[in-house]
Amino acid sequence: MTMAPRTVWFGFLGGSLAVLATAYGLEFLGGLKPCVLCLYQRIPYGLVAGMALGALFFHGSPKTNATLCFGFALIFLGGAALSFYHVGVEQGWFTLLEVCSGGEASQSIDALRESLAATRPVRCDEVTWSLFGISLAGFNLLASVLLAALAIAAARTLRREPAP
């Protein structure tokens, strides 16, 4: 099976942007405010989107293309680990980090009081939305694992491609 590297880059760019668009849409259009862990879980998608966009402008060797896809897989697996931790916090399996309790540790006491008075902080251990018993962190875990598997498959395919 042959696969053009540009198709792979467009696929990961589109997939990453679709996940980010969903997250931002739920936040700004759906009114679901993210917690700290939710915000961190967006980082892998932004990294892969930027790297895939950059790869569209460079023509690498099959080995370079495969290495980039393995890099995508590692980034997505890191995102999956973070999502798994978030699901564990929601389910009570793991201890909640101080930064996830709704306040920021770097603020002064007065600034924290003002912040708490102005808004209700979003806690990482509270599920704000779920479907079929799966929270958004759970869906992110599934998406991250799926994209990591696709990146590994793409890397294996691209490694066997003839050089341009």
N, C-alpha and C. Protein backbone atom coordinates (compact mmCIF):
# COMPACT_ATOMS: atom_id res chain seq x y z
N MET A 1 0.84 -1.18 0.00
CA MET A 1 0.00 0.00 0.00
C MET A 1 0.89 1.24 0.00
N THR A 2 0.63 2.15 -0.90
CA THR A 2 1.41 3.39 -0.95
C THR A 2 0.59 4.52 -0.33
N MET A 3 1.32 5.44 0.24
CA MET A 3 0.67 6.57 0.90
C MET A 3 1.55 7.80 0.69
N ALA A 4 0.95 8.85 0.17
CA ALA A 4 1.70 10.08 -0.01
C ALA A 4 1.88 10.78 1.33
N PRO A 5 3.11 11.20 1.63
CA PRO A 5 3.32 11.89 2.92
C PRO A 5 2.41 13.10 3.11
N ARG A 6 2.14 13.83 2.03
CA ARG A 6 1.28 15.02 2.16
C ARG A 6 -0.12 14.63 2.64
N THR A 7 -0.60 13.48 2.20
CA THR A 7 -1.90 13.00 2.67
C THR A 7 -1.87 12.74 4.18
N VAL A 8 -0.77 12.16 4.64
CA VAL A 8 -0.61 11.89 6.07
C VAL A 8 -0.58 13.20 6.85
N TRP A 9 0.19 14.18 6.36
CA TRP A 9 0.30 15.46 7.07
C TRP A 9 -1.04 16.17 7.12
N PHE A 10 -1.77 16.15 5.99
CA PHE A 10 -3.10 16.78 5.98
C PHE A 10 -4.04 16.04 6.93
N GLY A 11 -3.93 14.72 6.99
CA GLY A 11 -4.78 13.94 7.90
C GLY A 11 -4.55 14.29 9.35
N PHE A 12 -3.27 14.37 9.76
CA PHE A 12 -3.00 14.70 11.16
C PHE A 12 -3.27 16.16 11.46
N LEU A 13 -3.07 17.03 10.49
CA LEU A 13 -3.42 18.44 10.68
C LEU A 13 -4.93 18.56 10.86
N GLY A 14 -5.68 17.93 9.98
CA GLY A 14 -7.14 17.99 10.08
C GLY A 14 -7.68 17.34 11.34
N GLY A 15 -7.14 16.18 11.70
CA GLY A 15 -7.60 15.50 12.91
C GLY A 15 -7.33 16.32 14.16
N SER A 16 -6.14 16.88 14.23
CA SER A 16 -5.78 17.69 15.41
C SER A 16 -6.63 18.96 15.48
N LEU A 17 -6.82 19.60 14.34
CA LEU A 17 -7.64 20.82 14.33
C LEU A 17 -9.10 20.51 14.64
N ALA A 18 -9.59 19.34 14.22
CA ALA A 18 -10.97 18.95 14.53
C ALA A 18 -11.16 18.77 16.03
N VAL A 19 -10.20 18.13 16.69
CA VAL A 19 -10.30 17.96 18.15
C VAL A 19 -10.24 19.32 18.85
N LEU A 20 -9.32 20.17 18.41
CA LEU A 20 -9.22 21.50 19.02
C LEU A 20 -10.48 22.32 18.77
N ALA A 21 -11.03 22.24 17.57
CA ALA A 21 -12.26 22.98 17.26
C ALA A 21 -13.42 22.49 18.13
N THR A 22 -13.48 21.19 18.36
CA THR A 22 -14.51 20.64 19.24
C THR A 22 -14.35 21.17 20.66
N ALA A 23 -13.12 21.15 21.17
CA ALA A 23 -12.87 21.63 22.53
C ALA A 23 -13.22 23.11 22.67
N TYR A 24 -12.76 23.92 21.72
CA TYR A 24 -13.05 25.35 21.80
C TYR A 24 -14.53 25.63 21.55
N GLY A 25 -15.17 24.85 20.69
CA GLY A 25 -16.60 25.01 20.45
C GLY A 25 -17.41 24.71 21.69
N LEU A 26 -17.06 23.62 22.38
CA LEU A 26 -17.75 23.29 23.62
C LEU A 26 -17.54 24.36 24.69
N GLU A 27 -16.34 24.95 24.67
CA GLU A 27 -16.05 25.99 25.65
C GLU A 27 -16.79 27.28 25.34
N PHE A 28 -16.63 27.80 24.13
CA PHE A 28 -17.16 29.12 23.82
C PHE A 28 -18.61 29.12 23.33
N LEU A 29 -19.03 28.07 22.66
CA LEU A 29 -20.41 28.01 22.19
C LEU A 29 -21.29 27.20 23.14
N GLY A 30 -20.72 26.16 23.74
CA GLY A 30 -21.50 25.31 24.62
C GLY A 30 -21.48 25.72 26.07
N GLY A 31 -20.58 26.65 26.42
CA GLY A 31 -20.52 27.15 27.79
C GLY A 31 -19.85 26.22 28.78
N LEU A 32 -19.13 25.20 28.31
CA LEU A 32 -18.42 24.29 29.22
C LEU A 32 -17.03 24.85 29.48
N LYS A 33 -16.82 25.35 30.67
CA LYS A 33 -15.52 25.93 31.01
C LYS A 33 -14.54 24.81 31.34
N PRO A 34 -13.32 24.88 30.79
CA PRO A 34 -12.34 23.81 31.03
C PRO A 34 -11.60 24.00 32.35
N CYS A 35 -11.18 22.87 32.91
CA CYS A 35 -10.30 22.92 34.08
C CYS A 35 -8.86 22.98 33.58
N VAL A 36 -7.92 23.01 34.49
CA VAL A 36 -6.51 23.10 34.13
C VAL A 36 -6.07 21.89 33.30
N LEU A 37 -6.49 20.69 33.73
CA LEU A 37 -6.10 19.49 32.98
C LEU A 37 -6.70 19.48 31.57
N CYS A 38 -7.91 19.99 31.44
CA CYS A 38 -8.53 20.09 30.11
C CYS A 38 -7.69 20.97 29.18
N LEU A 39 -7.21 22.08 29.72
CA LEU A 39 -6.38 22.98 28.93
C LEU A 39 -5.06 22.31 28.54
N TYR A 40 -4.45 21.58 29.47
CA TYR A 40 -3.20 20.87 29.17
C TYR A 40 -3.40 19.82 28.08
N GLN A 41 -4.58 19.21 28.06
CA GLN A 41 -4.84 18.15 27.08
C GLN A 41 -4.96 18.68 25.65
N ARG A 42 -5.05 19.97 25.48
CA ARG A 42 -5.10 20.55 24.14
C ARG A 42 -3.71 20.70 23.54
N ILE A 43 -2.69 20.73 24.36
CA ILE A 43 -1.32 20.98 23.90
C ILE A 43 -0.84 19.96 22.88
N PRO A 44 -1.01 18.65 23.09
CA PRO A 44 -0.53 17.70 22.08
C PRO A 44 -1.14 17.93 20.69
N TYR A 45 -2.41 18.28 20.65
CA TYR A 45 -3.05 18.52 19.35
C TYR A 45 -2.47 19.76 18.67
N GLY A 46 -2.19 20.78 19.44
CA GLY A 46 -1.56 21.97 18.87
C GLY A 46 -0.16 21.69 18.36
N LEU A 47 0.60 20.89 19.12
CA LEU A 47 1.95 20.51 18.68
C LEU A 47 1.91 19.73 17.36
N VAL A 48 1.06 18.72 17.31
CA VAL A 48 0.98 17.90 16.10
C VAL A 48 0.47 18.73 14.92
N ALA A 49 -0.50 19.60 15.16
CA ALA A 49 -1.00 20.45 14.07
C ALA A 49 0.11 21.32 13.51
N GLY A 50 0.89 21.93 14.40
CA GLY A 50 2.00 22.78 13.94
C GLY A 50 3.07 21.99 13.21
N MET A 51 3.40 20.81 13.73
CA MET A 51 4.42 19.98 13.08
C MET A 51 3.92 19.47 11.72
N ALA A 52 2.66 19.08 11.64
CA ALA A 52 2.10 18.60 10.38
C ALA A 52 2.05 19.72 9.35
N LEU A 53 1.70 20.91 9.80
CA LEU A 53 1.68 22.07 8.90
C LEU A 53 3.08 22.34 8.36
N GLY A 54 4.07 22.30 9.24
CA GLY A 54 5.45 22.49 8.81
C GLY A 54 5.91 21.41 7.84
N ALA A 55 5.48 20.17 8.10
CA ALA A 55 5.89 19.05 7.24
C ALA A 55 5.33 19.18 5.83
N LEU A 56 4.23 19.89 5.68
CA LEU A 56 3.65 20.09 4.35
C LEU A 56 4.59 20.87 3.43
N PHE A 57 5.47 21.65 4.00
CA PHE A 57 6.36 22.49 3.21
C PHE A 57 7.74 21.89 3.00
N PHE A 58 8.00 20.75 3.60
CA PHE A 58 9.31 20.11 3.45
C PHE A 58 9.12 18.69 2.93
N HIS A 59 10.00 18.28 2.06
CA HIS A 59 9.94 16.93 1.51
C HIS A 59 11.06 16.12 2.13
N GLY A 60 10.68 15.27 3.07
CA GLY A 60 11.68 14.45 3.76
C GLY A 60 11.82 13.09 3.12
N SER A 61 12.86 12.40 3.54
CA SER A 61 13.08 11.03 3.09
C SER A 61 12.06 10.13 3.78
N PRO A 62 11.88 8.90 3.29
CA PRO A 62 10.96 7.99 3.96
C PRO A 62 11.31 7.79 5.43
N LYS A 63 12.60 7.75 5.74
CA LYS A 63 13.00 7.58 7.14
C LYS A 63 12.62 8.80 7.98
N THR A 64 12.81 9.99 7.44
CA THR A 64 12.45 11.22 8.14
C THR A 64 10.94 11.29 8.35
N ASN A 65 10.16 10.95 7.31
CA ASN A 65 8.71 10.97 7.42
C ASN A 65 8.22 9.98 8.46
N ALA A 66 8.81 8.79 8.48
CA ALA A 66 8.42 7.78 9.47
C ALA A 66 8.78 8.24 10.88
N THR A 67 9.94 8.85 11.02
CA THR A 67 10.35 9.35 12.34
C THR A 67 9.40 10.43 12.84
N LEU A 68 8.96 11.30 11.93
CA LEU A 68 8.01 12.34 12.32
C LEU A 68 6.70 11.71 12.79
N CYS A 69 6.24 10.69 12.08
CA CYS A 69 5.00 10.02 12.49
C CYS A 69 5.16 9.32 13.83
N PHE A 70 6.32 8.73 14.08
CA PHE A 70 6.56 8.14 15.40
C PHE A 70 6.57 9.24 16.47
N GLY A 71 7.08 10.40 16.11
CA GLY A 71 7.02 11.55 17.03
C GLY A 71 5.57 11.93 17.33
N PHE A 72 4.73 11.93 16.30
CA PHE A 72 3.30 12.20 16.50
C PHE A 72 2.72 11.17 17.48
N ALA A 73 3.07 9.91 17.28
CA ALA A 73 2.55 8.84 18.13
C ALA A 73 2.96 9.08 19.59
N LEU A 74 4.21 9.46 19.81
CA LEU A 74 4.67 9.72 21.18
C LEU A 74 3.93 10.90 21.80
N ILE A 75 3.70 11.93 21.02
CA ILE A 75 2.96 13.10 21.51
C ILE A 75 1.54 12.70 21.88
N PHE A 76 0.89 11.93 21.00
CA PHE A 76 -0.48 11.49 21.29
C PHE A 76 -0.53 10.54 22.49
N LEU A 77 0.48 9.70 22.65
CA LEU A 77 0.52 8.81 23.82
C LEU A 77 0.71 9.61 25.11
N GLY A 78 1.50 10.67 25.04
CA GLY A 78 1.62 11.57 26.19
C GLY A 78 0.29 12.21 26.52
N GLY A 79 -0.44 12.63 25.48
CA GLY A 79 -1.77 13.19 25.69
C GLY A 79 -2.73 12.16 26.26
N ALA A 80 -2.59 10.91 25.82
CA ALA A 80 -3.44 9.83 26.34
C ALA A 80 -3.14 9.60 27.82
N ALA A 81 -1.87 9.66 28.20
CA ALA A 81 -1.51 9.48 29.61
C ALA A 81 -2.12 10.59 30.47
N LEU A 82 -2.06 11.81 29.98
CA LEU A 82 -2.66 12.94 30.70
C LEU A 82 -4.17 12.77 30.81
N SER A 83 -4.80 12.33 29.72
CA SER A 83 -6.24 12.09 29.73
C SER A 83 -6.61 10.98 30.71
N PHE A 84 -5.79 9.93 30.73
CA PHE A 84 -6.03 8.84 31.67
C PHE A 84 -5.95 9.34 33.11
N TYR A 85 -4.97 10.18 33.39
CA TYR A 85 -4.85 10.77 34.72
C TYR A 85 -6.11 11.59 35.04
N HIS A 86 -6.58 12.37 34.07
CA HIS A 86 -7.76 13.20 34.30
C HIS A 86 -8.98 12.33 34.57
N VAL A 87 -9.16 11.27 33.81
CA VAL A 87 -10.27 10.34 34.06
C VAL A 87 -10.13 9.75 35.46
N GLY A 88 -8.90 9.40 35.84
CA GLY A 88 -8.67 8.86 37.16
C GLY A 88 -8.99 9.84 38.27
N VAL A 89 -8.70 11.11 38.04
CA VAL A 89 -9.05 12.15 39.02
C VAL A 89 -10.57 12.26 39.11
N GLU A 90 -11.24 12.24 37.97
CA GLU A 90 -12.70 12.33 37.96
C GLU A 90 -13.34 11.15 38.69
N GLN A 91 -12.75 9.97 38.54
CA GLN A 91 -13.30 8.76 39.16
C GLN A 91 -12.83 8.54 40.59
N GLY A 92 -11.89 9.36 41.05
CA GLY A 92 -11.36 9.22 42.40
C GLY A 92 -10.25 8.20 42.52
N TRP A 93 -9.68 7.77 41.40
CA TRP A 93 -8.58 6.79 41.42
C TRP A 93 -7.26 7.45 41.82
N PHE A 94 -7.09 8.72 41.44
CA PHE A 94 -5.84 9.43 41.68
C PHE A 94 -6.08 10.66 42.54
N THR A 95 -5.03 11.11 43.20
CA THR A 95 -5.09 12.30 44.03
C THR A 95 -5.16 13.53 43.14
N LEU A 96 -5.96 14.46 43.56
CA LEU A 96 -6.13 15.71 42.83
C LEU A 96 -4.94 16.62 43.09
N LEU A 97 -4.34 17.14 42.01
CA LEU A 97 -3.24 18.10 42.16
C LEU A 97 -3.77 19.41 42.73
N GLU A 98 -2.92 20.14 43.44
CA GLU A 98 -3.33 21.41 44.05
C GLU A 98 -3.81 22.40 42.99
N VAL A 99 -3.14 22.43 41.85
CA VAL A 99 -3.51 23.39 40.80
C VAL A 99 -4.88 23.06 40.21
N CYS A 100 -5.34 21.81 40.39
CA CYS A 100 -6.63 21.39 39.85
C CYS A 100 -7.79 21.66 40.79
N SER A 101 -7.52 22.20 41.94
CA SER A 101 -8.59 22.43 42.90
C SER A 101 -9.40 23.67 42.59
N GLY A 102 -9.03 24.37 41.53
CA GLY A 102 -9.81 25.52 41.11
C GLY A 102 -9.10 26.83 41.29
N GLY A 103 -8.08 26.91 42.09
CA GLY A 103 -7.33 28.14 42.29
C GLY A 103 -5.95 27.99 41.69
N GLU A 104 -5.24 29.07 41.59
CA GLU A 104 -3.87 29.04 41.09
C GLU A 104 -2.93 29.23 42.26
N ALA A 105 -1.96 28.35 42.37
CA ALA A 105 -1.05 28.35 43.51
C ALA A 105 -0.17 29.60 43.55
N SER A 106 0.05 30.25 42.42
CA SER A 106 0.97 31.38 42.37
C SER A 106 0.31 32.70 42.78
N GLN A 107 -0.98 32.71 43.03
CA GLN A 107 -1.66 33.94 43.39
C GLN A 107 -1.49 34.25 44.87
N SER A 108 -1.57 35.53 45.19
CA SER A 108 -1.57 35.93 46.59
C SER A 108 -2.94 35.60 47.19
N ILE A 109 -3.04 35.64 48.49
CA ILE A 109 -4.30 35.33 49.16
C ILE A 109 -5.39 36.31 48.75
N ASP A 110 -5.05 37.60 48.69
CA ASP A 110 -6.05 38.60 48.31
C ASP A 110 -6.51 38.41 46.87
N ALA A 111 -5.56 38.13 45.96
CA ALA A 111 -5.93 37.91 44.57
C ALA A 111 -6.79 36.65 44.43
N LEU A 112 -6.48 35.64 45.20
CA LEU A 112 -7.26 34.40 45.16
C LEU A 112 -8.68 34.65 45.68
N ARG A 113 -8.82 35.42 46.74
CA ARG A 113 -10.16 35.75 47.27
C ARG A 113 -10.98 36.50 46.22
N GLU A 114 -10.36 37.48 45.57
CA GLU A 114 -11.07 38.24 44.54
C GLU A 114 -11.49 37.34 43.39
N SER A 115 -10.59 36.45 42.99
CA SER A 115 -10.88 35.53 41.90
C SER A 115 -12.03 34.59 42.27
N LEU A 116 -12.01 34.07 43.47
CA LEU A 116 -13.07 33.16 43.91
C LEU A 116 -14.40 33.88 44.05
N ALA A 117 -14.37 35.14 44.44
CA ALA A 117 -15.60 35.91 44.56
C ALA A 117 -16.20 36.22 43.20
N ALA A 118 -15.34 36.38 42.19
CA ALA A 118 -15.81 36.77 40.86
C ALA A 118 -16.36 35.58 40.08
N THR A 119 -15.72 34.43 40.18
CA THR A 119 -16.14 33.27 39.39
C THR A 119 -16.03 32.00 40.22
N ARG A 120 -16.78 31.02 39.81
CA ARG A 120 -16.65 29.69 40.44
C ARG A 120 -15.59 28.93 39.67
N PRO A 121 -14.52 28.53 40.34
CA PRO A 121 -13.46 27.82 39.64
C PRO A 121 -13.92 26.44 39.16
N VAL A 122 -13.34 26.01 38.06
CA VAL A 122 -13.65 24.71 37.50
C VAL A 122 -12.70 23.70 38.12
N ARG A 123 -13.25 22.68 38.72
CA ARG A 123 -12.44 21.65 39.36
C ARG A 123 -12.20 20.50 38.39
N CYS A 124 -11.02 19.90 38.49
CA CYS A 124 -10.66 18.79 37.61
C CYS A 124 -11.38 17.50 37.98
N ASP A 125 -11.87 17.40 39.21
CA ASP A 125 -12.50 16.15 39.64
C ASP A 125 -14.01 16.15 39.45
N GLU A 126 -14.55 17.19 38.85
CA GLU A 126 -15.98 17.26 38.58
C GLU A 126 -16.23 17.05 37.09
N VAL A 127 -17.07 16.10 36.76
CA VAL A 127 -17.43 15.85 35.37
C VAL A 127 -18.49 16.87 34.97
N THR A 128 -18.17 17.71 33.99
CA THR A 128 -19.12 18.74 33.57
C THR A 128 -20.06 18.26 32.47
N TRP A 129 -19.65 17.22 31.75
CA TRP A 129 -20.46 16.69 30.65
C TRP A 129 -20.05 15.26 30.40
N SER A 130 -21.01 14.41 30.07
CA SER A 130 -20.69 13.03 29.71
C SER A 130 -21.73 12.50 28.74
N LEU A 131 -21.35 11.48 28.01
CA LEU A 131 -22.24 10.79 27.07
C LEU A 131 -21.97 9.31 27.23
N PHE A 132 -23.03 8.55 27.49
CA PHE A 132 -22.91 7.10 27.74
C PHE A 132 -21.97 6.82 28.91
N GLY A 133 -21.91 7.72 29.87
CA GLY A 133 -21.05 7.54 31.04
C GLY A 133 -19.59 7.86 30.79
N ILE A 134 -19.26 8.41 29.62
CA ILE A 134 -17.88 8.76 29.29
C ILE A 134 -17.75 10.27 29.31
N SER A 135 -16.82 10.78 30.10
CA SER A 135 -16.61 12.22 30.20
C SER A 135 -15.81 12.71 28.99
N LEU A 136 -15.68 14.03 28.89
CA LEU A 136 -14.87 14.60 27.81
C LEU A 136 -13.42 14.13 27.91
N ALA A 137 -12.91 13.98 29.13
CA ALA A 137 -11.54 13.47 29.30
C ALA A 137 -11.46 12.03 28.78
N GLY A 138 -12.50 11.25 28.99
CA GLY A 138 -12.54 9.89 28.46
C GLY A 138 -12.56 9.86 26.94
N PHE A 139 -13.35 10.74 26.34
CA PHE A 139 -13.37 10.83 24.88
C PHE A 139 -12.01 11.29 24.34
N ASN A 140 -11.36 12.20 25.08
CA ASN A 140 -10.04 12.65 24.66
C ASN A 140 -9.04 11.50 24.75
N LEU A 141 -9.16 10.66 25.77
CA LEU A 141 -8.31 9.48 25.89
C LEU A 141 -8.48 8.57 24.67
N LEU A 142 -9.73 8.33 24.29
CA LEU A 142 -10.00 7.49 23.12
C LEU A 142 -9.42 8.11 21.84
N ALA A 143 -9.61 9.42 21.66
CA ALA A 143 -9.09 10.09 20.47
C ALA A 143 -7.58 10.05 20.43
N SER A 144 -6.93 10.25 21.57
CA SER A 144 -5.47 10.24 21.63
C SER A 144 -4.91 8.87 21.29
N VAL A 145 -5.52 7.82 21.83
CA VAL A 145 -5.05 6.46 21.55
C VAL A 145 -5.27 6.11 20.08
N LEU A 146 -6.42 6.49 19.54
CA LEU A 146 -6.70 6.22 18.12
C LEU A 146 -5.70 6.95 17.22
N LEU A 147 -5.45 8.22 17.50
CA LEU A 147 -4.50 8.97 16.67
C LEU A 147 -3.07 8.45 16.83
N ALA A 148 -2.71 7.98 18.00
CA ALA A 148 -1.39 7.38 18.20
C ALA A 148 -1.26 6.11 17.37
N ALA A 149 -2.30 5.29 17.37
CA ALA A 149 -2.27 4.06 16.57
C ALA A 149 -2.19 4.38 15.08
N LEU A 150 -2.92 5.39 14.64
CA LEU A 150 -2.85 5.80 13.23
C LEU A 150 -1.47 6.34 12.88
N ALA A 151 -0.85 7.05 13.80
CA ALA A 151 0.49 7.58 13.55
C ALA A 151 1.51 6.44 13.43
N ILE A 152 1.38 5.42 14.26
CA ILE A 152 2.29 4.27 14.16
C ILE A 152 2.08 3.54 12.84
N ALA A 153 0.83 3.35 12.46
CA ALA A 153 0.54 2.69 11.18
C ALA A 153 1.09 3.51 10.01
N ALA A 154 0.91 4.82 10.07
CA ALA A 154 1.42 5.68 9.00
C ALA A 154 2.95 5.63 8.95
N ALA A 155 3.59 5.61 10.10
CA ALA A 155 5.05 5.55 10.15
C ALA A 155 5.56 4.26 9.51
N ARG A 156 4.90 3.16 9.82
CA ARG A 156 5.32 1.88 9.24
C ARG A 156 5.14 1.88 7.72
N THR A 157 4.07 2.49 7.26
CA THR A 157 3.82 2.55 5.82
C THR A 157 4.80 3.50 5.14
N LEU A 158 5.02 4.67 5.73
CA LEU A 158 5.91 5.66 5.12
C LEU A 158 7.36 5.19 5.09
N ARG A 159 7.75 4.37 6.04
CA ARG A 159 9.14 3.88 6.07
C ARG A 159 9.42 3.00 4.85
N ARG A 160 8.39 2.33 4.34
CA ARG A 160 8.55 1.43 3.19
C ARG A 160 8.40 2.13 1.84
N GLU A 161 8.05 3.42 1.86
CA GLU A 161 7.84 4.15 0.61
C GLU A 161 9.17 4.38 -0.10
N PRO A 162 9.15 4.32 -1.42
CA PRO A 162 10.38 4.66 -2.16
C PRO A 162 10.68 6.15 -2.05
N ALA A 163 11.94 6.48 -2.07
CA ALA A 163 12.35 7.88 -1.99
C ALA A 163 11.90 8.62 -3.23
N PRO A 164 11.52 9.92 -3.10
CA PRO A 164 11.03 10.69 -4.25
C PRO A 164 12.12 10.94 -5.27
